[in-house]
Amino acid sequence: MFRIVVLLVGFGFSVLGGIAFVAYLNLFTVGFTVAKYLLFMAFRPESYLFIFGVLMVWLSLYYPEKKEDEEKKV
């Protein structure tokens, strides 16, 4: 159950960050270069949400789960 909650919260964080990346693409129309855009996005909190969300999803999917048999032996 905990893994499902972590997956959903991580998915929500990554969606929020991804939407911000797409929304800030409008900065190209006012003269931002790709380097300026990436530098700008590096310091936005939404980019940290995106990275943290992807990390949470990855961990919830690929982190090994303890099996009940292993817990009883220890």
C-alpha atoms as a PDB file:
ATOM      1  CA  MET A   1       0.000   0.000   0.000  1.00  0.00           C
ATOM      2  CA  PHE A   2       2.848   2.365   0.861  1.00  0.00           C
ATOM      3  CA  ARG A   3       4.469   1.789  -2.523  1.00  0.00           C
ATOM      4  CA  ILE A   4       1.267   2.736  -4.331  1.00  0.00           C
ATOM      5  CA  VAL A   5       1.033   5.993  -2.374  1.00  0.00           C
ATOM      6  CA  VAL A   6       4.680   6.795  -3.134  1.00  0.00           C
ATOM      7  CA  LEU A   7       4.055   6.010  -6.809  1.00  0.00           C
ATOM      8  CA  LEU A   8       1.024   8.294  -7.007  1.00  0.00           C
ATOM      9  CA  VAL A   9       2.666  11.161  -5.128  1.00  0.00           C
ATOM     10  CA  GLY A  10       5.778  10.859  -7.283  1.00  0.00           C
ATOM     11  CA  PHE A  11       3.666  10.819 -10.410  1.00  0.00           C
ATOM     12  CA  GLY A  12       1.885  13.968  -9.252  1.00  0.00           C
ATOM     13  CA  PHE A  13       5.188  15.746  -8.561  1.00  0.00           C
ATOM     14  CA  SER A  14       6.602  14.791 -11.926  1.00  0.00           C
ATOM     15  CA  VAL A  15       3.443  15.959 -13.710  1.00  0.00           C
ATOM     16  CA  LEU A  16       3.600  19.327 -11.934  1.00  0.00           C
ATOM     17  CA  GLY A  17       7.236  19.744 -12.895  1.00  0.00           C
ATOM     18  CA  GLY A  18       6.668  18.607 -16.469  1.00  0.00           C
ATOM     19  CA  ILE A  19       3.815  21.048 -16.953  1.00  0.00           C
ATOM     20  CA  ALA A  20       6.071  23.847 -15.711  1.00  0.00           C
ATOM     21  CA  PHE A  21       8.758  22.843 -18.217  1.00  0.00           C
ATOM     22  CA  VAL A  22       6.233  23.045 -21.035  1.00  0.00           C
ATOM     23  CA  ALA A  23       4.687  26.283 -19.770  1.00  0.00           C
ATOM     24  CA  TYR A  24       8.066  27.997 -19.557  1.00  0.00           C
ATOM     25  CA  LEU A  25       8.781  27.099 -23.190  1.00  0.00           C
ATOM     26  CA  ASN A  26       7.040  30.401 -23.942  1.00  0.00           C
ATOM     27  CA  LEU A  27      10.247  32.105 -22.830  1.00  0.00           C
ATOM     28  CA  PHE A  28      11.697  31.282 -26.240  1.00  0.00           C
ATOM     29  CA  THR A  29       9.285  33.736 -27.822  1.00  0.00           C
ATOM     30  CA  VAL A  30      10.741  36.628 -25.798  1.00  0.00           C
ATOM     31  CA  GLY A  31      14.319  35.860 -26.819  1.00  0.00           C
ATOM     32  CA  PHE A  32      15.647  33.230 -24.398  1.00  0.00           C
ATOM     33  CA  THR A  33      18.241  30.877 -25.824  1.00  0.00           C
ATOM     34  CA  VAL A  34      18.364  27.184 -24.939  1.00  0.00           C
ATOM     35  CA  ALA A  35      21.225  27.814 -22.512  1.00  0.00           C
ATOM     36  CA  LYS A  36      19.353  30.650 -20.771  1.00  0.00           C
ATOM     37  CA  TYR A  37      16.221  28.488 -20.587  1.00  0.00           C
ATOM     38  CA  LEU A  38      18.081  25.584 -18.995  1.00  0.00           C
ATOM     39  CA  LEU A  39      19.834  27.916 -16.564  1.00  0.00           C
ATOM     40  CA  PHE A  40      16.502  29.495 -15.645  1.00  0.00           C
ATOM     41  CA  MET A  41      14.845  26.112 -15.140  1.00  0.00           C
ATOM     42  CA  ALA A  42      17.741  24.828 -13.030  1.00  0.00           C
ATOM     43  CA  PHE A  43      16.803  27.242 -10.245  1.00  0.00           C
ATOM     44  CA  ARG A  44      13.021  26.859 -10.390  1.00  0.00           C
ATOM     45  CA  PRO A  45      11.357  24.774  -7.645  1.00  0.00           C
ATOM     46  CA  GLU A  46       9.255  23.018 -10.280  1.00  0.00           C
ATOM     47  CA  SER A  47      12.329  21.389 -11.772  1.00  0.00           C
ATOM     48  CA  TYR A  48      13.201  19.961  -8.364  1.00  0.00           C
ATOM     49  CA  LEU A  49       9.650  18.630  -8.073  1.00  0.00           C
ATOM     50  CA  PHE A  50      10.061  16.936 -11.446  1.00  0.00           C
ATOM     51  CA  ILE A  51      13.361  15.297 -10.498  1.00  0.00           C
ATOM     52  CA  PHE A  52      12.089  14.272  -7.052  1.00  0.00           C
ATOM     53  CA  GLY A  53       8.878  12.879  -8.572  1.00  0.00           C
ATOM     54  CA  VAL A  54      10.712  10.797 -11.161  1.00  0.00           C
ATOM     55  CA  LEU A  55      12.989   9.491  -8.421  1.00  0.00           C
ATOM     56  CA  MET A  56      10.003   8.545  -6.256  1.00  0.00           C
ATOM     57  CA  VAL A  57       8.319   6.715  -9.136  1.00  0.00           C
ATOM     58  CA  TRP A  58      11.522   4.904  -9.990  1.00  0.00           C
ATOM     59  CA  LEU A  59      12.098   3.837  -6.390  1.00  0.00           C
ATOM     60  CA  SER A  60       8.527   2.661  -5.916  1.00  0.00           C
ATOM     61  CA  LEU A  61       8.757   0.510  -9.031  1.00  0.00           C
ATOM     62  CA  TYR A  62      12.285  -0.882  -8.823  1.00  0.00           C
ATOM     63  CA  TYR A  63      13.259  -0.911  -5.162  1.00  0.00           C
ATOM     64  CA  PRO A  64      13.130  -4.530  -3.977  1.00  0.00           C
ATOM     65  CA  GLU A  65      10.356  -5.363  -1.562  1.00  0.00           C
ATOM     66  CA  LYS A  66      10.922  -7.597   1.435  1.00  0.00           C
ATOM     67  CA  LYS A  67       8.977 -10.799   1.218  1.00  0.00           C
ATOM     68  CA  GLU A  68       7.068 -12.135   4.189  1.00  0.00           C
ATOM     69  CA  ASP A  69       9.246 -15.249   4.312  1.00  0.00           C
ATOM     70  CA  GLU A  70      12.408 -13.156   4.694  1.00  0.00           C
ATOM     71  CA  GLU A  71      10.824 -11.085   7.461  1.00  0.00           C
ATOM     72  CA  LYS A  72       9.880 -14.198   9.447  1.00  0.00           C
ATOM     73  CA  LYS A  73      13.423 -15.626   9.260  1.00  0.00           C
ATOM     74  CA  VAL A  74      15.013 -12.484  10.645  1.00  0.00           C
END
